PDB file of all heavy atoms in Angstrom:
ATOM      1  N   ALA A   1      37.738-273.219 -27.552  1.00  0.00           N
ATOM      2  CA  ALA A   1      37.024-273.037 -26.288  1.00  0.00           C
ATOM      3  C   ALA A   1      37.934-272.626 -25.178  1.00  0.00           C
ATOM      4  O   ALA A   1      37.508-271.835 -24.293  1.00  0.00           O
ATOM      5  CB  ALA A   1      36.295-274.346 -25.969  1.00  0.00           C
ATOM      6  N   ALA A   2      39.140-273.146 -25.173  1.00  0.00           N
ATOM      7  CA  ALA A   2      40.076-272.820 -24.098  1.00  0.00           C
ATOM      8  C   ALA A   2      40.369-271.340 -24.040  1.00  0.00           C
ATOM      9  O   ALA A   2      40.512-270.761 -22.920  1.00  0.00           O
ATOM     10  CB  ALA A   2      41.394-273.596 -24.323  1.00  0.00           C
ATOM     11  N   ARG A   3      40.402-270.673 -25.107  1.00  0.00           N
ATOM     12  CA  ARG A   3      40.681-269.232 -25.122  1.00  0.00           C
ATOM     13  C   ARG A   3      39.545-268.472 -24.500  1.00  0.00           C
ATOM     14  O   ARG A   3      39.781-267.341 -23.988  1.00  0.00           O
ATOM     15  CB  ARG A   3      40.889-268.774 -26.562  1.00  0.00           C
ATOM     16  CG  ARG A   3      42.186-269.332 -27.224  1.00  0.00           C
ATOM     17  CD  ARG A   3      42.282-268.903 -28.705  1.00  0.00           C
ATOM     18  NE  ARG A   3      43.475-269.401 -29.331  1.00  0.00           N
ATOM     19  CZ  ARG A   3      44.647-268.793 -29.333  1.00  0.00           C
ATOM     20  NH1 ARG A   3      44.774-267.583 -28.755  1.00  0.00           N
ATOM     21  NH2 ARG A   3      45.681-269.325 -29.895  1.00  0.00           N
ATOM     22  N   LEU A   4      38.361-268.971 -24.528  1.00  0.00           N
ATOM     23  CA  LEU A   4      37.192-268.325 -23.958  1.00  0.00           C
ATOM     24  C   LEU A   4      37.186-268.369 -22.406  1.00  0.00           C
ATOM     25  O   LEU A   4      36.474-267.604 -21.772  1.00  0.00           O
ATOM     26  CB  LEU A   4      35.859-268.923 -24.488  1.00  0.00           C
ATOM     27  CG  LEU A   4      35.689-268.914 -25.994  1.00  0.00           C
ATOM     28  CD1 LEU A   4      34.380-269.662 -26.381  1.00  0.00           C
ATOM     29  CD2 LEU A   4      35.690-267.523 -26.508  1.00  0.00           C
ATOM     30  N   PHE A   5      37.959-269.339 -21.857  1.00  0.00           N
ATOM     31  CA  PHE A   5      37.962-269.479 -20.432  1.00  0.00           C
ATOM     32  C   PHE A   5      39.310-269.214 -19.790  1.00  0.00           C
ATOM     33  O   PHE A   5      39.669-269.787 -18.795  1.00  0.00           O
ATOM     34  CB  PHE A   5      37.463-270.886 -20.086  1.00  0.00           C
ATOM     35  CG  PHE A   5      36.020-271.143 -20.378  1.00  0.00           C
ATOM     36  CD1 PHE A   5      35.671-271.642 -21.621  1.00  0.00           C
ATOM     37  CD2 PHE A   5      35.016-270.800 -19.511  1.00  0.00           C
ATOM     38  CE1 PHE A   5      34.306-271.854 -22.004  1.00  0.00           C
ATOM     39  CE2 PHE A   5      33.706-270.993 -19.817  1.00  0.00           C
ATOM     40  CZ  PHE A   5      33.329-271.561 -21.085  1.00  0.00           C
ATOM     41  N   GLN A   6      40.071-268.348 -20.457  1.00  0.00           N
ATOM     42  CA  GLN A   6      41.417-267.970 -19.933  1.00  0.00           C
ATOM     43  C   GLN A   6      41.271-267.502 -18.489  1.00  0.00           C
ATOM     44  O   GLN A   6      40.472-266.620 -18.236  1.00  0.00           O
ATOM     45  CB  GLN A   6      42.066-266.969 -20.862  1.00  0.00           C
ATOM     46  CG  GLN A   6      43.504-266.586 -20.316  1.00  0.00           C
ATOM     47  CD  GLN A   6      44.103-265.487 -21.197  1.00  0.00           C
ATOM     48  OE1 GLN A   6      43.412-264.749 -21.856  1.00  0.00           O
ATOM     49  NE2 GLN A   6      45.428-265.367 -21.163  1.00  0.00           N
ATOM     50  N   GLY A   7      42.127-268.002 -17.622  1.00  0.00           N
ATOM     51  CA  GLY A   7      42.095-267.570 -16.221  1.00  0.00           C
ATOM     52  C   GLY A   7      41.031-268.201 -15.394  1.00  0.00           C
ATOM     53  O   GLY A   7      40.980-267.989 -14.174  1.00  0.00           O
ATOM     54  N   LYS A   8      40.094-268.972 -16.001  1.00  0.00           N
ATOM     55  CA  LYS A   8      39.025-269.620 -15.271  1.00  0.00           C
ATOM     56  C   LYS A   8      39.184-271.144 -15.259  1.00  0.00           C
ATOM     57  O   LYS A   8      38.928-271.816 -14.197  1.00  0.00           O
ATOM     58  CB  LYS A   8      37.693-269.257 -15.890  1.00  0.00           C
ATOM     59  CG  LYS A   8      37.393-267.771 -15.851  1.00  0.00           C
ATOM     60  CD  LYS A   8      35.999-267.474 -16.508  1.00  0.00           C
ATOM     61  CE  LYS A   8      35.716-266.003 -16.500  1.00  0.00           C
ATOM     62  NZ  LYS A   8      34.383-265.729 -17.166  1.00  0.00           N
ATOM     63  N   ILE A   9      39.544-271.704 -16.381  1.00  0.00           N
ATOM     64  CA  ILE A   9      39.666-273.173 -16.529  1.00  0.00           C
ATOM     65  C   ILE A   9      40.903-273.514 -17.320  1.00  0.00           C
ATOM     66  O   ILE A   9      41.162-272.885 -18.357  1.00  0.00           O
ATOM     67  CB  ILE A   9      38.440-273.752 -17.208  1.00  0.00           C
ATOM     68  CG1 ILE A   9      37.149-273.448 -16.435  1.00  0.00           C
ATOM     69  CG2 ILE A   9      38.591-275.265 -17.413  1.00  0.00           C
ATOM     70  CD1 ILE A   9      35.868-273.943 -17.162  1.00  0.00           C
ATOM     71  N   LEU A  10      41.685-274.519 -16.854  1.00  0.00           N
ATOM     72  CA  LEU A  10      42.767-275.003 -17.597  1.00  0.00           C
ATOM     73  C   LEU A  10      42.301-276.227 -18.445  1.00  0.00           C
ATOM     74  O   LEU A  10      41.646-277.100 -17.909  1.00  0.00           O
ATOM     75  CB  LEU A  10      43.893-275.492 -16.673  1.00  0.00           C
ATOM     76  CG  LEU A  10      44.635-274.385 -15.834  1.00  0.00           C
ATOM     77  CD1 LEU A  10      45.691-275.023 -14.956  1.00  0.00           C
ATOM     78  CD2 LEU A  10      45.269-273.387 -16.777  1.00  0.00           C
ATOM     79  N   PHE A  11      42.615-276.214 -19.715  1.00  0.00           N
ATOM     80  CA  PHE A  11      42.157-277.255 -20.638  1.00  0.00           C
ATOM     81  C   PHE A  11      43.253-278.300 -20.794  1.00  0.00           C
ATOM     82  O   PHE A  11      44.407-277.963 -21.116  1.00  0.00           O
ATOM     83  CB  PHE A  11      41.777-276.690 -21.972  1.00  0.00           C
ATOM     84  CG  PHE A  11      40.356-276.071 -21.992  1.00  0.00           C
ATOM     85  CD1 PHE A  11      40.026-275.066 -21.102  1.00  0.00           C
ATOM     86  CD2 PHE A  11      39.413-276.498 -22.864  1.00  0.00           C
ATOM     87  CE1 PHE A  11      38.765-274.484 -21.083  1.00  0.00           C
ATOM     88  CE2 PHE A  11      38.133-275.949 -22.926  1.00  0.00           C
ATOM     89  CZ  PHE A  11      37.793-274.916 -21.986  1.00  0.00           C
ATOM     90  N   ILE A  12      42.906-279.563 -20.593  1.00  0.00           N
ATOM     91  CA  ILE A  12      43.858-280.634 -20.565  1.00  0.00           C
ATOM     92  C   ILE A  12      43.465-281.683 -21.563  1.00  0.00           C
ATOM     93  O   ILE A  12      42.306-282.039 -21.688  1.00  0.00           O
ATOM     94  CB  ILE A  12      44.003-281.249 -19.199  1.00  0.00           C
ATOM     95  CG1 ILE A  12      44.357-280.152 -18.186  1.00  0.00           C
ATOM     96  CG2 ILE A  12      45.040-282.367 -19.131  1.00  0.00           C
ATOM     97  CD1 ILE A  12      44.121-280.573 -16.731  1.00  0.00           C
ATOM     98  N   LEU A  13      44.421-282.265 -22.327  1.00  0.00           N
ATOM     99  CA  LEU A  13      44.160-283.383 -23.202  1.00  0.00           C
ATOM    100  C   LEU A  13      44.710-284.628 -22.559  1.00  0.00           C
ATOM    101  O   LEU A  13      45.873-284.717 -22.105  1.00  0.00           O
ATOM    102  CB  LEU A  13      44.904-283.171 -24.521  1.00  0.00           C
ATOM    103  CG  LEU A  13      44.918-284.377 -25.429  1.00  0.00           C
ATOM    104  CD1 LEU A  13      43.553-284.739 -25.934  1.00  0.00           C
ATOM    105  CD2 LEU A  13      45.878-284.052 -26.627  1.00  0.00           C
ATOM    106  N   VAL A  14      43.850-285.664 -22.505  1.00  0.00           N
ATOM    107  CA  VAL A  14      44.278-286.989 -21.982  1.00  0.00           C
ATOM    108  C   VAL A  14      44.105-287.989 -23.156  1.00  0.00           C
ATOM    109  O   VAL A  14      43.014-288.282 -23.575  1.00  0.00           O
ATOM    110  CB  VAL A  14      43.451-287.469 -20.777  1.00  0.00           C
ATOM    111  CG1 VAL A  14      43.962-288.813 -20.305  1.00  0.00           C
ATOM    112  CG2 VAL A  14      43.516-286.460 -19.675  1.00  0.00           C
ATOM    113  N   ASP A  15      45.216-288.465 -23.684  1.00  0.00           N
ATOM    114  CA  ASP A  15      45.221-289.444 -24.761  1.00  0.00           C
ATOM    115  C   ASP A  15      44.804-290.800 -24.241  1.00  0.00           C
ATOM    116  O   ASP A  15      45.508-291.457 -23.526  1.00  0.00           O
ATOM    117  CB  ASP A  15      46.592-289.496 -25.416  1.00  0.00           C
ATOM    118  CG  ASP A  15      46.631-290.451 -26.597  1.00  0.00           C
ATOM    119  OD1 ASP A  15      45.539-290.904 -27.041  1.00  0.00           O
ATOM    120  OD2 ASP A  15      47.713-290.705 -27.157  1.00  0.00           O
ATOM    121  N   SER A  16      43.614-291.228 -24.684  1.00  0.00           N
ATOM    122  CA  SER A  16      43.118-292.539 -24.171  1.00  0.00           C
ATOM    123  C   SER A  16      43.902-293.736 -24.647  1.00  0.00           C
ATOM    124  O   SER A  16      43.799-294.807 -24.088  1.00  0.00           O
ATOM    125  CB  SER A  16      41.624-292.672 -24.587  1.00  0.00           C
ATOM    126  OG  SER A  16      41.531-292.702 -26.042  1.00  0.00           O
ATOM    127  N   HIS A  17      44.678-293.463 -25.699  1.00  0.00           N
ATOM    128  CA  HIS A  17      45.507-294.582 -26.285  1.00  0.00           C
ATOM    129  C   HIS A  17      46.844-294.743 -25.573  1.00  0.00           C
ATOM    130  O   HIS A  17      47.531-295.712 -25.734  1.00  0.00           O
ATOM    131  CB  HIS A  17      45.720-294.291 -27.751  1.00  0.00           C
ATOM    132  CG  HIS A  17      46.238-295.460 -28.494  1.00  0.00           C
ATOM    133  ND1 HIS A  17      45.496-296.636 -28.733  1.00  0.00           N
ATOM    134  CD2 HIS A  17      47.440-295.665 -29.119  1.00  0.00           C
ATOM    135  CE1 HIS A  17      46.262-297.445 -29.449  1.00  0.00           C
ATOM    136  NE2 HIS A  17      47.403-296.934 -29.649  1.00  0.00           N
ATOM    137  N   ALA A  18      47.245-293.722 -24.776  1.00  0.00           N
ATOM    138  CA  ALA A  18      48.586-293.739 -24.126  1.00  0.00           C
ATOM    139  C   ALA A  18      48.574-294.681 -22.973  1.00  0.00           C
ATOM    140  O   ALA A  18      47.547-294.785 -22.223  1.00  0.00           O
ATOM    141  CB  ALA A  18      48.936-292.311 -23.707  1.00  0.00           C
ATOM    142  N   LYS A  19      49.676-295.317 -22.760  1.00  0.00           N
ATOM    143  CA  LYS A  19      49.823-296.308 -21.665  1.00  0.00           C
ATOM    144  C   LYS A  19      49.612-295.629 -20.323  1.00  0.00           C
ATOM    145  O   LYS A  19      50.188-294.591 -20.037  1.00  0.00           O
ATOM    146  CB  LYS A  19      51.218-296.894 -21.740  1.00  0.00           C
ATOM    147  CG  LYS A  19      51.441-297.961 -20.708  1.00  0.00           C
ATOM    148  CD  LYS A  19      52.856-298.603 -20.856  1.00  0.00           C
ATOM    149  CE  LYS A  19      53.117-299.693 -19.769  1.00  0.00           C
ATOM    150  NZ  LYS A  19      54.444-300.258 -19.928  1.00  0.00           N
ATOM    151  N   GLY A  20      48.744-296.221 -19.520  1.00  0.00           N
ATOM    152  CA  GLY A  20      48.566-295.719 -18.180  1.00  0.00           C
ATOM    153  C   GLY A  20      47.383-294.764 -18.041  1.00  0.00           C
ATOM    154  O   GLY A  20      46.826-294.575 -16.903  1.00  0.00           O
ATOM    155  N   ASN A  21      46.956-294.151 -19.136  1.00  0.00           N
ATOM    156  CA  ASN A  21      45.876-293.145 -19.058  1.00  0.00           C
ATOM    157  C   ASN A  21      44.515-293.812 -18.863  1.00  0.00           C
ATOM    158  O   ASN A  21      43.539-293.097 -18.474  1.00  0.00           O
ATOM    159  CB  ASN A  21      45.852-292.275 -20.299  1.00  0.00           C
ATOM    160  CG  ASN A  21      46.935-291.243 -20.275  1.00  0.00           C
ATOM    161  OD1 ASN A  21      47.649-291.056 -19.243  1.00  0.00           O
ATOM    162  ND2 ASN A  21      47.095-290.484 -21.303  1.00  0.00           N
ATOM    163  N   ASP A  22      44.403-295.135 -19.032  1.00  0.00           N
ATOM    164  CA  ASP A  22      43.121-295.739 -18.723  1.00  0.00           C
ATOM    165  C   ASP A  22      42.805-295.698 -17.243  1.00  0.00           C
ATOM    166  O   ASP A  22      41.696-295.700 -16.817  1.00  0.00           O
ATOM    167  CB  ASP A  22      43.136-297.259 -19.205  1.00  0.00           C
ATOM    168  CG  ASP A  22      44.327-298.004 -18.618  1.00  0.00           C
ATOM    169  OD1 ASP A  22      45.361-297.352 -18.270  1.00  0.00           O
ATOM    170  OD2 ASP A  22      44.249-299.267 -18.573  1.00  0.00           O
ATOM    171  N   ARG A  23      43.870-295.582 -16.454  1.00  0.00           N
ATOM    172  CA  ARG A  23      43.702-295.461 -14.968  1.00  0.00           C
ATOM    173  C   ARG A  23      43.167-294.091 -14.654  1.00  0.00           C
ATOM    174  O   ARG A  23      42.333-293.957 -13.733  1.00  0.00           O
ATOM    175  CB  ARG A  23      45.048-295.680 -14.289  1.00  0.00           C
ATOM    176  CG  ARG A  23      45.568-297.085 -14.461  1.00  0.00           C
ATOM    177  CD  ARG A  23      46.948-297.215 -13.824  1.00  0.00           C
ATOM    178  NE  ARG A  23      46.946-296.969 -12.409  1.00  0.00           N
ATOM    179  CZ  ARG A  23      48.019-296.805 -11.665  1.00  0.00           C
ATOM    180  NH1 ARG A  23      49.180-296.826 -12.241  1.00  0.00           N
ATOM    181  NH2 ARG A  23      47.915-296.627 -10.359  1.00  0.00           N
ATOM    182  N   VAL A  24      43.546-293.069 -15.401  1.00  0.00           N
ATOM    183  CA  VAL A  24      42.957-291.738 -15.205  1.00  0.00           C
ATOM    184  C   VAL A  24      41.511-291.780 -15.541  1.00  0.00           C
ATOM    185  O   VAL A  24      40.699-291.193 -14.842  1.00  0.00           O
ATOM    186  CB  VAL A  24      43.724-290.677 -16.038  1.00  0.00           C
ATOM    187  CG1 VAL A  24      43.203-289.288 -15.734  1.00  0.00           C
ATOM    188  CG2 VAL A  24      45.205-290.738 -15.749  1.00  0.00           C
ATOM    189  N   MET A  25      41.199-292.434 -16.638  1.00  0.00           N
ATOM    190  CA  MET A  25      39.774-292.511 -17.040  1.00  0.00           C
ATOM    191  C   MET A  25      38.940-293.183 -15.960  1.00  0.00           C
ATOM    192  O   MET A  25      37.780-292.795 -15.733  1.00  0.00           O
ATOM    193  CB  MET A  25      39.636-293.316 -18.339  1.00  0.00           C
ATOM    194  CG  MET A  25      40.208-292.631 -19.607  1.00  0.00           C
ATOM    195  SD  MET A  25      40.318-293.714 -21.000  1.00  0.00           S
ATOM    196  CE  MET A  25      38.682-294.408 -21.032  1.00  0.00           C
ATOM    197  N   SER A  26      39.502-294.174 -15.361  1.00  0.00           N
ATOM    198  CA  SER A  26      38.711-294.965 -14.341  1.00  0.00           C
ATOM    199  C   SER A  26      38.307-294.074 -13.184  1.00  0.00           C
ATOM    200  O   SER A  26      37.328-294.347 -12.538  1.00  0.00           O
ATOM    201  CB  SER A  26      39.511-296.156 -13.855  1.00  0.00           C
ATOM    202  OG  SER A  26      40.616-295.772 -13.037  1.00  0.00           O
ATOM    203  N   TYR A  27      39.100-293.067 -12.827  1.00  0.00           N
ATOM    204  CA  TYR A  27      38.754-292.163 -11.730  1.00  0.00           C
ATOM    205  C   TYR A  27      37.502-291.369 -11.987  1.00  0.00           C
ATOM    206  O   TYR A  27      36.800-290.930 -11.107  1.00  0.00           O
ATOM    207  CB  TYR A  27      39.901-291.277 -11.392  1.00  0.00           C
ATOM    208  CG  TYR A  27      41.023-291.900 -10.611  1.00  0.00           C
ATOM    209  CD1 TYR A  27      42.250-292.147 -11.221  1.00  0.00           C
ATOM    210  CD2 TYR A  27      40.812-292.369  -9.317  1.00  0.00           C
ATOM    211  CE1 TYR A  27      43.236-292.851 -10.521  1.00  0.00           C
ATOM    212  CE2 TYR A  27      41.837-292.987  -8.650  1.00  0.00           C
ATOM    213  CZ  TYR A  27      43.030-293.247  -9.240  1.00  0.00           C
ATOM    214  OH  TYR A  27      44.012-293.898  -8.561  1.00  0.00           O
ATOM    215  N   PHE A  28      37.188-291.224 -13.276  1.00  0.00           N
ATOM    216  CA  PHE A  28      35.971-290.525 -13.699  1.00  0.00           C
ATOM    217  C   PHE A  28      34.882-291.452 -14.192  1.00  0.00           C
ATOM    218  O   PHE A  28      33.898-291.041 -14.795  1.00  0.00           O
ATOM    219  CB  PHE A  28      36.302-289.454 -14.757  1.00  0.00           C
ATOM    220  CG  PHE A  28      37.167-288.350 -14.257  1.00  0.00           C
ATOM    221  CD1 PHE A  28      38.543-288.385 -14.421  1.00  0.00           C
ATOM    222  CD2 PHE A  28      36.593-287.240 -13.575  1.00  0.00           C
ATOM    223  CE1 PHE A  28      39.356-287.343 -13.950  1.00  0.00           C
ATOM    224  CE2 PHE A  28      37.425-286.223 -13.093  1.00  0.00           C
ATOM    225  CZ  PHE A  28      38.776-286.288 -13.293  1.00  0.00           C
ATOM    226  N   HIS A  29      35.091-292.765 -13.928  1.00  0.00           N
ATOM    227  CA  HIS A  29      34.090-293.806 -14.330  1.00  0.00           C
ATOM    228  C   HIS A  29      33.821-293.743 -15.803  1.00  0.00           C
ATOM    229  O   HIS A  29      32.684-293.955 -16.240  1.00  0.00           O
ATOM    230  CB  HIS A  29      32.798-293.637 -13.534  1.00  0.00           C
ATOM    231  CG  HIS A  29      32.974-293.826 -12.033  1.00  0.00           C
ATOM    232  ND1 HIS A  29      33.185-295.063 -11.471  1.00  0.00           N
ATOM    233  CD2 HIS A  29      32.995-292.941 -11.025  1.00  0.00           C
ATOM    234  CE1 HIS A  29      33.257-294.949 -10.175  1.00  0.00           C
ATOM    235  NE2 HIS A  29      33.176-293.639  -9.865  1.00  0.00           N
ATOM    236  N   LEU A  30      34.864-293.541 -16.601  1.00  0.00           N
ATOM    237  CA  LEU A  30      34.705-293.487 -18.053  1.00  0.00           C
ATOM    238  C   LEU A  30      35.249-294.763 -18.676  1.00  0.00           C
ATOM    239  O   LEU A  30      36.265-295.293 -18.278  1.00  0.00           O
ATOM    240  CB  LEU A  30      35.449-292.255 -18.639  1.00  0.00           C
ATOM    241  CG  LEU A  30      34.744-290.967 -18.474  1.00  0.00           C
ATOM    242  CD1 LEU A  30      35.661-289.782 -18.807  1.00  0.00           C
ATOM    243  CD2 LEU A  30      33.419-290.895 -19.305  1.00  0.00           C
ATOM    244  N   LYS A  31      34.601-295.177 -19.723  1.00  0.00           N
ATOM    245  CA  LYS A  31      35.048-296.299 -20.560  1.00  0.00           C
ATOM    246  C   LYS A  31      35.332-295.786 -21.951  1.00  0.00           C
ATOM    247  O   LYS A  31      34.829-294.755 -22.413  1.00  0.00           O
ATOM    248  CB  LYS A  31      33.939-297.403 -20.631  1.00  0.00           C
ATOM    249  CG  LYS A  31      33.569-297.962 -19.271  1.00  0.00           C
ATOM    250  CD  LYS A  31      32.458-298.986 -19.423  1.00  0.00           C
ATOM    251  CE  LYS A  31      32.031-299.529 -18.047  1.00  0.00           C
ATOM    252  NZ  LYS A  31      30.926-300.497 -18.206  1.00  0.00           N
ATOM    253  N   LYS A  32      36.246-296.505 -22.668  1.00  0.00           N
ATOM    254  CA  LYS A  32      36.627-296.109 -23.989  1.00  0.00           C
ATOM    255  C   LYS A  32      35.416-295.987 -24.925  1.00  0.00           C
ATOM    256  O   LYS A  32      35.387-295.164 -25.920  1.00  0.00           O
ATOM    257  CB  LYS A  32      37.654-297.011 -24.565  1.00  0.00           C
ATOM    258  CG  LYS A  32      39.034-296.858 -23.919  1.00  0.00           C
ATOM    259  CD  LYS A  32      40.124-297.603 -24.628  1.00  0.00           C
ATOM    260  CE  LYS A  32      41.474-297.326 -24.038  1.00  0.00           C
ATOM    261  NZ  LYS A  32      42.593-298.033 -24.716  1.00  0.00           N
ATOM    262  N   SER A  33      34.412-296.814 -24.677  1.00  0.00           N
ATOM    263  CA  SER A  33      33.189-296.756 -25.523  1.00  0.00           C
ATOM    264  C   SER A  33      32.376-295.488 -25.372  1.00  0.00           C
ATOM    265  O   SER A  33      31.566-295.142 -26.199  1.00  0.00           O
ATOM    266  CB  SER A  33      32.276-297.926 -25.188  1.00  0.00           C
ATOM    267  OG  SER A  33      31.890-297.914 -23.802  1.00  0.00           O
ATOM    268  N   GLN A  34      32.730-294.667 -24.293  1.00  0.00           N
ATOM    269  CA  GLN A  34      32.011-293.407 -24.069  1.00  0.00           C
ATOM    270  C   GLN A  34      32.763-292.243 -24.602  1.00  0.00           C
ATOM    271  O   GLN A  34      32.289-291.114 -24.541  1.00  0.00           O
ATOM    272  CB  GLN A  34      31.847-293.219 -22.540  1.00  0.00           C
ATOM    273  CG  GLN A  34      30.940-294.251 -21.876  1.00  0.00           C
ATOM    274  CD  GLN A  34      30.919-294.023 -20.391  1.00  0.00           C
ATOM    275  OE1 GLN A  34      31.887-294.298 -19.654  1.00  0.00           O
ATOM    276  NE2 GLN A  34      29.743-293.530 -19.879  1.00  0.00           N
ATOM    277  N   LEU A  35      33.889-292.464 -25.182  1.00  0.00           N
ATOM    278  CA  LEU A  35      34.778-291.343 -25.611  1.00  0.00           C
ATOM    279  C   LEU A  35      34.406-290.909 -27.082  1.00  0.00           C
ATOM    280  O   LEU A  35      33.878-291.709 -27.835  1.00  0.00           O
ATOM    281  CB  LEU A  35      36.218-291.750 -25.595  1.00  0.00           C
ATOM    282  CG  LEU A  35      36.732-292.288 -24.257  1.00  0.00           C
ATOM    283  CD1 LEU A  35      38.197-292.486 -24.287  1.00  0.00           C
ATOM    284  CD2 LEU A  35      36.372-291.317 -23.096  1.00  0.00           C
ATOM    285  N   PRO A  36      34.643-289.622 -27.389  1.00  0.00           N
ATOM    286  CA  PRO A  36      35.265-288.622 -26.554  1.00  0.00           C
ATOM    287  C   PRO A  36      34.368-288.141 -25.427  1.00  0.00           C
ATOM    288  O   PRO A  36      33.199-288.180 -25.556  1.00  0.00           O
ATOM    289  CB  PRO A  36      35.619-287.470 -27.499  1.00  0.00           C
ATOM    290  CG  PRO A  36      34.513-287.615 -28.525  1.00  0.00           C
ATOM    291  CD  PRO A  36      34.298-289.082 -28.703  1.00  0.00           C
ATOM    292  N   ALA A  37      34.982-287.712 -24.321  1.00  0.00           N
ATOM    293  CA  ALA A  37      34.275-287.241 -23.171  1.00  0.00           C
ATOM    294  C   ALA A  37      35.094-286.136 -22.493  1.00  0.00           C
ATOM    295  O   ALA A  37      36.305-286.066 -22.640  1.00  0.00           O
ATOM    296  CB  ALA A  37      33.998-288.379 -22.195  1.00  0.00           C
ATOM    297  N   VAL A  38      34.425-285.288 -21.751  1.00  0.00           N
ATOM    298  CA  VAL A  38      35.101-284.240 -21.001  1.00  0.00           C
ATOM    299  C   VAL A  38      34.744-284.427 -19.507  1.00  0.00           C
ATOM    300  O   VAL A  38      33.645-284.893 -19.148  1.00  0.00           O
ATOM    301  CB  VAL A  38      34.759-282.835 -21.443  1.00  0.00           C
ATOM    302  CG1 VAL A  38      35.450-282.529 -22.781  1.00  0.00           C
ATOM    303  CG2 VAL A  38      33.282-282.652 -21.519  1.00  0.00           C
ATOM    304  N   ALA A  39      35.705-284.041 -18.643  1.00  0.00           N
ATOM    305  CA  ALA A  39      35.472-284.100 -17.214  1.00  0.00           C
ATOM    306  C   ALA A  39      36.014-282.816 -16.578  1.00  0.00           C
ATOM    307  O   ALA A  39      37.136-282.432 -16.886  1.00  0.00           O
ATOM    308  CB  ALA A  39      36.160-285.325 -16.595  1.00  0.00           C
ATOM    309  N   LEU A  40      35.243-282.216 -15.740  1.00  0.00           N
ATOM    310  CA  LEU A  40      35.628-281.015 -15.005  1.00  0.00           C
ATOM    311  C   LEU A  40      36.019-281.403 -13.585  1.00  0.00           C
ATOM    312  O   LEU A  40      35.369-282.228 -12.956  1.00  0.00           O
ATOM    313  CB  LEU A  40      34.523-279.963 -14.996  1.00  0.00           C
ATOM    314  CG  LEU A  40      34.452-279.011 -16.215  1.00  0.00           C
ATOM    315  CD1 LEU A  40      33.129-278.343 -16.265  1.00  0.00           C
ATOM    316  CD2 LEU A  40      35.589-277.988 -16.101  1.00  0.00           C
ATOM    317  N   TYR A  41      37.054-280.778 -13.102  1.00  0.00           N
ATOM    318  CA  TYR A  41      37.571-281.096 -11.749  1.00  0.00           C
ATOM    319  C   TYR A  41      37.983-279.819 -11.048  1.00  0.00           C
ATOM    320  O   TYR A  41      38.721-279.014 -11.595  1.00  0.00           O
ATOM    321  CB  TYR A  41      38.790-282.037 -11.902  1.00  0.00           C
ATOM    322  CG  TYR A  41      39.373-282.412 -10.547  1.00  0.00           C
ATOM    323  CD1 TYR A  41      38.852-283.476  -9.808  1.00  0.00           C
ATOM    324  CD2 TYR A  41      40.463-281.726 -10.023  1.00  0.00           C
ATOM    325  CE1 TYR A  41      39.375-283.878  -8.578  1.00  0.00           C
ATOM    326  CE2 TYR A  41      41.002-282.096  -8.777  1.00  0.00           C
ATOM    327  CZ  TYR A  41      40.483-283.166  -8.100  1.00  0.00           C
ATOM    328  OH  TYR A  41      41.021-283.553  -6.873  1.00  0.00           O
ATOM    329  N   HIS A  42      37.416-279.579  -9.886  1.00  0.00           N
ATOM    330  CA  HIS A  42      37.713-278.331  -9.109  1.00  0.00           C
ATOM    331  C   HIS A  42      38.555-278.734  -7.913  1.00  0.00           C
ATOM    332  O   HIS A  42      38.114-279.446  -6.996  1.00  0.00           O
ATOM    333  CB  HIS A  42      36.410-277.678  -8.639  1.00  0.00           C
ATOM    334  CG  HIS A  42      36.571-276.328  -8.017  1.00  0.00           C
ATOM    335  ND1 HIS A  42      36.246-276.099  -6.744  1.00  0.00           N
ATOM    336  CD2 HIS A  42      37.120-275.218  -8.535  1.00  0.00           C
ATOM    337  CE1 HIS A  42      36.504-274.821  -6.485  1.00  0.00           C
ATOM    338  NE2 HIS A  42      37.083-274.276  -7.554  1.00  0.00           N
ATOM    339  N   THR A  43      39.800-278.252  -7.860  1.00  0.00           N
ATOM    340  CA  THR A  43      40.740-278.822  -6.915  1.00  0.00           C
ATOM    341  C   THR A  43      40.481-278.458  -5.401  1.00  0.00           C
ATOM    342  O   THR A  43      40.668-279.288  -4.566  1.00  0.00           O
ATOM    343  CB  THR A  43      42.180-278.364  -7.246  1.00  0.00           C
ATOM    344  OG1 THR A  43      42.271-276.942  -7.293  1.00  0.00           O
ATOM    345  CG2 THR A  43      42.603-278.922  -8.574  1.00  0.00           C
ATOM    346  N   PRO A  44      39.958-277.237  -5.065  1.00  0.00           N
ATOM    347  CA  PRO A  44      39.814-276.924  -3.637  1.00  0.00           C
ATOM    348  C   PRO A  44      38.783-277.830  -2.937  1.00  0.00           C
ATOM    349  O   PRO A  44      39.036-278.307  -1.836  1.00  0.00           O
ATOM    350  CB  PRO A  44      39.327-275.489  -3.654  1.00  0.00           C
ATOM    351  CG  PRO A  44      39.807-274.938  -4.959  1.00  0.00           C
ATOM    352  CD  PRO A  44      39.697-276.082  -5.906  1.00  0.00           C
ATOM    353  N   ASP A  45      37.648-278.120  -3.584  1.00  0.00           N
ATOM    354  CA  ASP A  45      36.665-278.979  -2.910  1.00  0.00           C
ATOM    355  C   ASP A  45      36.416-280.362  -3.603  1.00  0.00           C
ATOM    356  O   ASP A  45      35.591-281.059  -3.230  1.00  0.00           O
ATOM    357  CB  ASP A  45      35.299-278.237  -2.840  1.00  0.00           C
ATOM    358  CG  ASP A  45      34.782-277.827  -4.242  1.00  0.00           C
ATOM    359  OD1 ASP A  45      35.343-278.325  -5.234  1.00  0.00           O
ATOM    360  OD2 ASP A  45      33.804-277.097  -4.316  1.00  0.00           O
TER     361      ASP A  45
END
């Protein structure tokens, strides 16, 4: 999918098992029971 959106969207992997990444999940109101999940973020607005 990432190749289809070259120059439009950067694709990022967040390992939910890695230490500290649960805090990143919390910013998107995600719980481990809801994973896998994707979140889009637009930096200017």
